Amino acid sequence: MNKHQWFKKAIIVGISTTIGLSTLMATGAGTAPVAAASVSSSTGQSIVNLGKKYLGVRYQFGASTSTTRYFDCSSFTKYIFAKYGVNLPRTSVAQSKVGKAVSKANLRVGDLVFFSSGSRANGKNVTHVAVYAGNGKILHTYGSPGVTVSSLNSGNWKRTYLKARRVL
C-alpha cells in the first residue's frame, strides 16, 4: 500500500470513528444508567461521612446556617449537602418539597427522610429532617445528644416517619 492509499484509509477511519462517537454521545447509547446511580450513592456516602464528623455537636432550634458550633435539623442537612454542591432550602418543610419522592423500601444513602415528631407535630406535618445513612440508620440532630445516628425502623422514628426525597 502506497503512502497516498494509507493516508486515505486513515482519514476514512478517523471520520467514521468521529461520527460513531458523536452519535453515541448524542443519543446516550453505550452509557450505563448505573454510573449515575453510583456517582450519586458515592456522593451520598461522602455527605454522610462529613455529617458524622459533627457527631455530638449540640442542637439549637433555629440555628444559623453560618455556624457549625450548633445545628437544628434543617441547618445541618443544608450545611452538609452544600459542601457537595446541593443547595437545599432552609427549613425541613421546604426541603421536603425538593428532589423526587422515593419509597422507604428504596432508600439510598444520602436520601432525605422526613418526620412529624416533637411538640409541633400533628402526625401529618413535616417537623424534622434526617439523612438516610444506610442499613436502616439515619443521621440527624435533635435535642440531646445533638448530631447523632438513630434507627429509622424502631421507636419514635419508625412511628413518626412521613416520606423521603432524593436530591442527589
C-alpha atoms as a PDB file:
ATOM      1  CA  MET A   1       0.000   0.000   0.000  1.00  0.00           C
ATOM      2  CA  ASN A   2       1.461   3.343  -1.006  1.00  0.00           C
ATOM      3  CA  LYS A   3       1.538   6.461   1.146  1.00  0.00           C
ATOM      4  CA  HIS A   4      -1.489   8.031  -0.584  1.00  0.00           C
ATOM      5  CA  GLN A   5      -3.738   4.967  -0.081  1.00  0.00           C
ATOM      6  CA  TRP A   6      -2.684   4.641   3.572  1.00  0.00           C
ATOM      7  CA  PHE A   7      -3.471   8.326   4.182  1.00  0.00           C
ATOM      8  CA  LYS A   8      -6.928   7.940   2.576  1.00  0.00           C
ATOM      9  CA  LYS A   9      -7.750   4.922   4.772  1.00  0.00           C
ATOM     10  CA  ALA A  10      -6.589   6.755   7.905  1.00  0.00           C
ATOM     11  CA  ILE A  11      -8.896   9.690   7.101  1.00  0.00           C
ATOM     12  CA  ILE A  12     -11.876   7.402   6.454  1.00  0.00           C
ATOM     13  CA  VAL A  13     -11.291   5.523   9.723  1.00  0.00           C
ATOM     14  CA  GLY A  14     -10.899   8.824  11.593  1.00  0.00           C
ATOM     15  CA  ILE A  15     -14.101  10.298  10.160  1.00  0.00           C
ATOM     16  CA  SER A  16     -16.036   7.079  10.822  1.00  0.00           C
ATOM     17  CA  THR A  17     -14.812   6.971  14.406  1.00  0.00           C
ATOM     18  CA  THR A  18     -15.742  10.608  14.953  1.00  0.00           C
ATOM     19  CA  ILE A  19     -19.237  10.104  13.526  1.00  0.00           C
ATOM     20  CA  GLY A  20     -19.735   6.944  15.581  1.00  0.00           C
ATOM     21  CA  LEU A  21     -18.589   8.527  18.847  1.00  0.00           C
ATOM     22  CA  SER A  22     -20.642  11.663  18.192  1.00  0.00           C
ATOM     23  CA  THR A  23     -23.736   9.527  17.630  1.00  0.00           C
ATOM     24  CA  LEU A  24     -23.117   7.563  20.816  1.00  0.00           C
ATOM     25  CA  MET A  25     -22.665  10.747  22.821  1.00  0.00           C
ATOM     26  CA  ALA A  26     -25.710  12.459  21.328  1.00  0.00           C
ATOM     27  CA  THR A  27     -28.049   9.508  21.884  1.00  0.00           C
ATOM     28  CA  GLY A  28     -26.597   8.390  25.180  1.00  0.00           C
ATOM     29  CA  ALA A  29     -26.175   4.888  23.761  1.00  0.00           C
ATOM     30  CA  GLY A  30     -23.420   2.992  25.445  1.00  0.00           C
ATOM     31  CA  THR A  31     -23.762   4.876  28.711  1.00  0.00           C
ATOM     32  CA  ALA A  32     -24.753   2.907  31.755  1.00  0.00           C
ATOM     33  CA  PRO A  33     -27.506   4.316  33.945  1.00  0.00           C
ATOM     34  CA  VAL A  34     -25.738   2.573  36.814  1.00  0.00           C
ATOM     35  CA  ALA A  35     -22.910   5.089  36.521  1.00  0.00           C
ATOM     36  CA  ALA A  36     -25.216   7.938  37.536  1.00  0.00           C
ATOM     37  CA  ALA A  37     -26.545   5.923  40.471  1.00  0.00           C
ATOM     38  CA  SER A  38     -23.047   5.052  41.680  1.00  0.00           C
ATOM     39  CA  VAL A  39     -21.949   8.686  41.455  1.00  0.00           C
ATOM     40  CA  SER A  40     -24.957   9.830  43.488  1.00  0.00           C
ATOM     41  CA  SER A  41     -24.559   6.999  46.004  1.00  0.00           C
ATOM     42  CA  SER A  42     -20.870   7.807  46.478  1.00  0.00           C
ATOM     43  CA  THR A  43     -21.828  11.466  46.937  1.00  0.00           C
ATOM     44  CA  GLY A  44     -24.476  10.358  49.426  1.00  0.00           C
ATOM     45  CA  GLN A  45     -21.857   8.383  51.360  1.00  0.00           C
ATOM     46  CA  SER A  46     -19.499  11.377  51.286  1.00  0.00           C
ATOM     47  CA  ILE A  47     -22.258  13.587  52.692  1.00  0.00           C
ATOM     48  CA  VAL A  48     -22.959  11.076  55.472  1.00  0.00           C
ATOM     49  CA  ASN A  49     -19.245  10.785  56.243  1.00  0.00           C
ATOM     50  CA  LEU A  50     -18.958  14.575  56.501  1.00  0.00           C
ATOM     51  CA  GLY A  51     -22.032  14.721  58.728  1.00  0.00           C
ATOM     52  CA  LYS A  52     -20.572  12.097  61.064  1.00  0.00           C
ATOM     53  CA  LYS A  53     -17.646  14.428  61.732  1.00  0.00           C
ATOM     54  CA  TYR A  54     -20.153  16.569  63.643  1.00  0.00           C
ATOM     55  CA  LEU A  55     -21.452  13.774  65.912  1.00  0.00           C
ATOM     56  CA  GLY A  56     -22.232  15.255  69.309  1.00  0.00           C
ATOM     57  CA  VAL A  57     -22.427  18.875  68.101  1.00  0.00           C
ATOM     58  CA  ARG A  58     -25.299  20.310  70.083  1.00  0.00           C
ATOM     59  CA  TYR A  59     -28.788  21.023  68.828  1.00  0.00           C
ATOM     60  CA  GLN A  60     -30.285  24.515  68.827  1.00  0.00           C
ATOM     61  CA  PHE A  61     -33.674  25.190  67.241  1.00  0.00           C
ATOM     62  CA  GLY A  62     -33.426  27.964  64.633  1.00  0.00           C
ATOM     63  CA  ALA A  63     -29.637  27.614  64.399  1.00  0.00           C
ATOM     64  CA  SER A  64     -27.849  29.882  61.975  1.00  0.00           C
ATOM     65  CA  THR A  65     -26.638  28.286  58.745  1.00  0.00           C
ATOM     66  CA  SER A  66     -23.322  30.111  59.094  1.00  0.00           C
ATOM     67  CA  THR A  67     -22.036  28.183  62.119  1.00  0.00           C
ATOM     68  CA  THR A  68     -21.025  24.619  62.907  1.00  0.00           C
ATOM     69  CA  ARG A  69     -20.998  25.186  66.694  1.00  0.00           C
ATOM     70  CA  TYR A  70     -24.625  24.002  66.804  1.00  0.00           C
ATOM     71  CA  PHE A  71     -27.304  22.928  64.338  1.00  0.00           C
ATOM     72  CA  ASP A  72     -31.001  22.336  64.047  1.00  0.00           C
ATOM     73  CA  CYS A  73     -32.140  19.501  61.796  1.00  0.00           C
ATOM     74  CA  SER A  74     -32.527  21.521  58.608  1.00  0.00           C
ATOM     75  CA  SER A  75     -29.479  23.754  59.089  1.00  0.00           C
ATOM     76  CA  PHE A  76     -27.482  20.523  59.477  1.00  0.00           C
ATOM     77  CA  THR A  77     -28.772  18.983  56.234  1.00  0.00           C
ATOM     78  CA  LYS A  78     -28.428  22.306  54.421  1.00  0.00           C
ATOM     79  CA  TYR A  79     -24.814  22.614  55.582  1.00  0.00           C
ATOM     80  CA  ILE A  80     -23.574  19.103  54.759  1.00  0.00           C
ATOM     81  CA  PHE A  81     -25.318  18.937  51.374  1.00  0.00           C
ATOM     82  CA  ALA A  82     -23.986  22.387  50.391  1.00  0.00           C
ATOM     83  CA  LYS A  83     -20.429  21.082  50.804  1.00  0.00           C
ATOM     84  CA  TYR A  84     -21.219  18.789  47.862  1.00  0.00           C
ATOM     85  CA  GLY A  85     -22.912  21.398  45.684  1.00  0.00           C
ATOM     86  CA  VAL A  86     -26.524  20.657  46.657  1.00  0.00           C
ATOM     87  CA  ASN A  87     -28.300  23.845  47.698  1.00  0.00           C
ATOM     88  CA  LEU A  88     -31.222  22.924  49.957  1.00  0.00           C
ATOM     89  CA  PRO A  89     -33.848  25.337  51.269  1.00  0.00           C
ATOM     90  CA  ARG A  90     -33.531  26.388  54.933  1.00  0.00           C
ATOM     91  CA  THR A  91     -36.473  24.581  56.559  1.00  0.00           C
ATOM     92  CA  SER A  92     -37.429  20.920  56.784  1.00  0.00           C
ATOM     93  CA  VAL A  93     -40.857  21.737  55.283  1.00  0.00           C
ATOM     94  CA  ALA A  94     -39.243  23.390  52.245  1.00  0.00           C
ATOM     95  CA  GLN A  95     -36.652  20.593  51.959  1.00  0.00           C
ATOM     96  CA  SER A  96     -39.497  18.056  51.875  1.00  0.00           C
ATOM     97  CA  LYS A  97     -40.648  19.556  48.562  1.00  0.00           C
ATOM     98  CA  VAL A  98     -37.392  19.339  46.576  1.00  0.00           C
ATOM     99  CA  GLY A  99     -35.977  16.417  44.641  1.00  0.00           C
ATOM    100  CA  LYS A 100     -38.102  13.408  43.834  1.00  0.00           C
ATOM    101  CA  ALA A 101     -40.201  11.177  46.050  1.00  0.00           C
ATOM    102  CA  VAL A 102     -38.700   7.822  46.995  1.00  0.00           C
ATOM    103  CA  SER A 103     -40.329   4.978  48.889  1.00  0.00           C
ATOM    104  CA  LYS A 104     -38.984   3.840  52.241  1.00  0.00           C
ATOM    105  CA  ALA A 105     -38.200   0.457  50.659  1.00  0.00           C
ATOM    106  CA  ASN A 106     -35.981   2.120  48.021  1.00  0.00           C
ATOM    107  CA  LEU A 107     -33.954   4.471  50.210  1.00  0.00           C
ATOM    108  CA  ARG A 108     -30.347   5.114  49.225  1.00  0.00           C
ATOM    109  CA  VAL A 109     -27.564   6.603  51.306  1.00  0.00           C
ATOM    110  CA  GLY A 110     -27.919  10.382  51.096  1.00  0.00           C
ATOM    111  CA  ASP A 111     -31.717  10.490  50.702  1.00  0.00           C
ATOM    112  CA  LEU A 112     -33.558  12.973  52.896  1.00  0.00           C
ATOM    113  CA  VAL A 113     -36.122  11.445  55.263  1.00  0.00           C
ATOM    114  CA  PHE A 114     -38.901  13.433  56.925  1.00  0.00           C
ATOM    115  CA  PHE A 115     -40.851  13.037  60.138  1.00  0.00           C
ATOM    116  CA  SER A 116     -43.709  14.557  62.076  1.00  0.00           C
ATOM    117  CA  SER A 117     -42.295  14.485  65.586  1.00  0.00           C
ATOM    118  CA  GLY A 118     -41.809  16.768  68.552  1.00  0.00           C
ATOM    119  CA  SER A 119     -44.005  19.450  70.082  1.00  0.00           C
ATOM    120  CA  ARG A 120     -45.060  20.962  66.727  1.00  0.00           C
ATOM    121  CA  ALA A 121     -46.088  17.617  65.208  1.00  0.00           C
ATOM    122  CA  ASN A 122     -49.648  16.646  64.323  1.00  0.00           C
ATOM    123  CA  GLY A 123     -48.774  13.357  62.598  1.00  0.00           C
ATOM    124  CA  LYS A 124     -49.072  14.820  59.091  1.00  0.00           C
ATOM    125  CA  ASN A 125     -46.886  17.937  59.063  1.00  0.00           C
ATOM    126  CA  VAL A 126     -43.132  17.815  58.443  1.00  0.00           C
ATOM    127  CA  THR A 127     -41.257  18.894  61.564  1.00  0.00           C
ATOM    128  CA  HIS A 128     -37.950  17.039  61.205  1.00  0.00           C
ATOM    129  CA  VAL A 129     -35.446  16.031  58.514  1.00  0.00           C
ATOM    130  CA  ALA A 130     -32.631  13.492  58.578  1.00  0.00           C
ATOM    131  CA  VAL A 131     -30.244  11.884  56.089  1.00  0.00           C
ATOM    132  CA  TYR A 132     -30.536   8.197  55.342  1.00  0.00           C
ATOM    133  CA  ALA A 133     -27.166   6.692  56.297  1.00  0.00           C
ATOM    134  CA  GLY A 134     -27.779   3.121  55.104  1.00  0.00           C
ATOM    135  CA  ASN A 135     -28.531  -0.102  56.966  1.00  0.00           C
ATOM    136  CA  GLY A 136     -31.721   1.300  58.476  1.00  0.00           C
ATOM    137  CA  LYS A 137     -29.910   4.238  60.105  1.00  0.00           C
ATOM    138  CA  ILE A 138     -30.448   7.994  59.903  1.00  0.00           C
ATOM    139  CA  LEU A 139     -28.009  10.824  60.586  1.00  0.00           C
ATOM    140  CA  HIS A 140     -29.633  13.884  62.108  1.00  0.00           C
ATOM    141  CA  THR A 141     -29.754  16.267  65.038  1.00  0.00           C
ATOM    142  CA  TYR A 142     -32.382  16.893  67.680  1.00  0.00           C
ATOM    143  CA  GLY A 143     -32.419  17.718  71.412  1.00  0.00           C
ATOM    144  CA  SER A 144     -29.834  15.784  73.321  1.00  0.00           C
ATOM    145  CA  PRO A 145     -27.351  14.345  72.178  1.00  0.00           C
ATOM    146  CA  GLY A 146     -27.262  16.719  69.176  1.00  0.00           C
ATOM    147  CA  VAL A 147     -25.923  15.269  65.928  1.00  0.00           C
ATOM    148  CA  THR A 148     -26.413  11.523  66.182  1.00  0.00           C
ATOM    149  CA  VAL A 149     -27.190   8.296  64.329  1.00  0.00           C
ATOM    150  CA  SER A 150     -30.551   6.636  65.072  1.00  0.00           C
ATOM    151  CA  SER A 151     -32.520   3.653  63.840  1.00  0.00           C
ATOM    152  CA  LEU A 152     -35.144   4.511  61.236  1.00  0.00           C
ATOM    153  CA  ASN A 153     -37.077   1.318  61.884  1.00  0.00           C
ATOM    154  CA  SER A 154     -37.706   1.482  65.608  1.00  0.00           C
ATOM    155  CA  GLY A 155     -39.123   3.728  68.295  1.00  0.00           C
ATOM    156  CA  ASN A 156     -40.018   7.338  67.626  1.00  0.00           C
ATOM    157  CA  TRP A 157     -38.511   7.489  64.140  1.00  0.00           C
ATOM    158  CA  LYS A 158     -40.467   4.462  62.919  1.00  0.00           C
ATOM    159  CA  ARG A 159     -43.698   5.884  64.399  1.00  0.00           C
ATOM    160  CA  THR A 160     -43.285   9.410  63.038  1.00  0.00           C
ATOM    161  CA  TYR A 161     -41.812   8.698  59.572  1.00  0.00           C
ATOM    162  CA  LEU A 162     -43.664  10.546  56.772  1.00  0.00           C
ATOM    163  CA  LYS A 163     -41.731  10.387  53.499  1.00  0.00           C
ATOM    164  CA  ALA A 164     -38.379  10.587  51.737  1.00  0.00           C
ATOM    165  CA  ARG A 165     -36.940  12.653  48.895  1.00  0.00           C
ATOM    166  CA  ARG A 166     -33.926  12.063  46.665  1.00  0.00           C
ATOM    167  CA  VAL A 167     -31.940  15.211  45.872  1.00  0.00           C
ATOM    168  CA  LEU A 168     -28.763  13.568  44.528  1.00  0.00           C
END
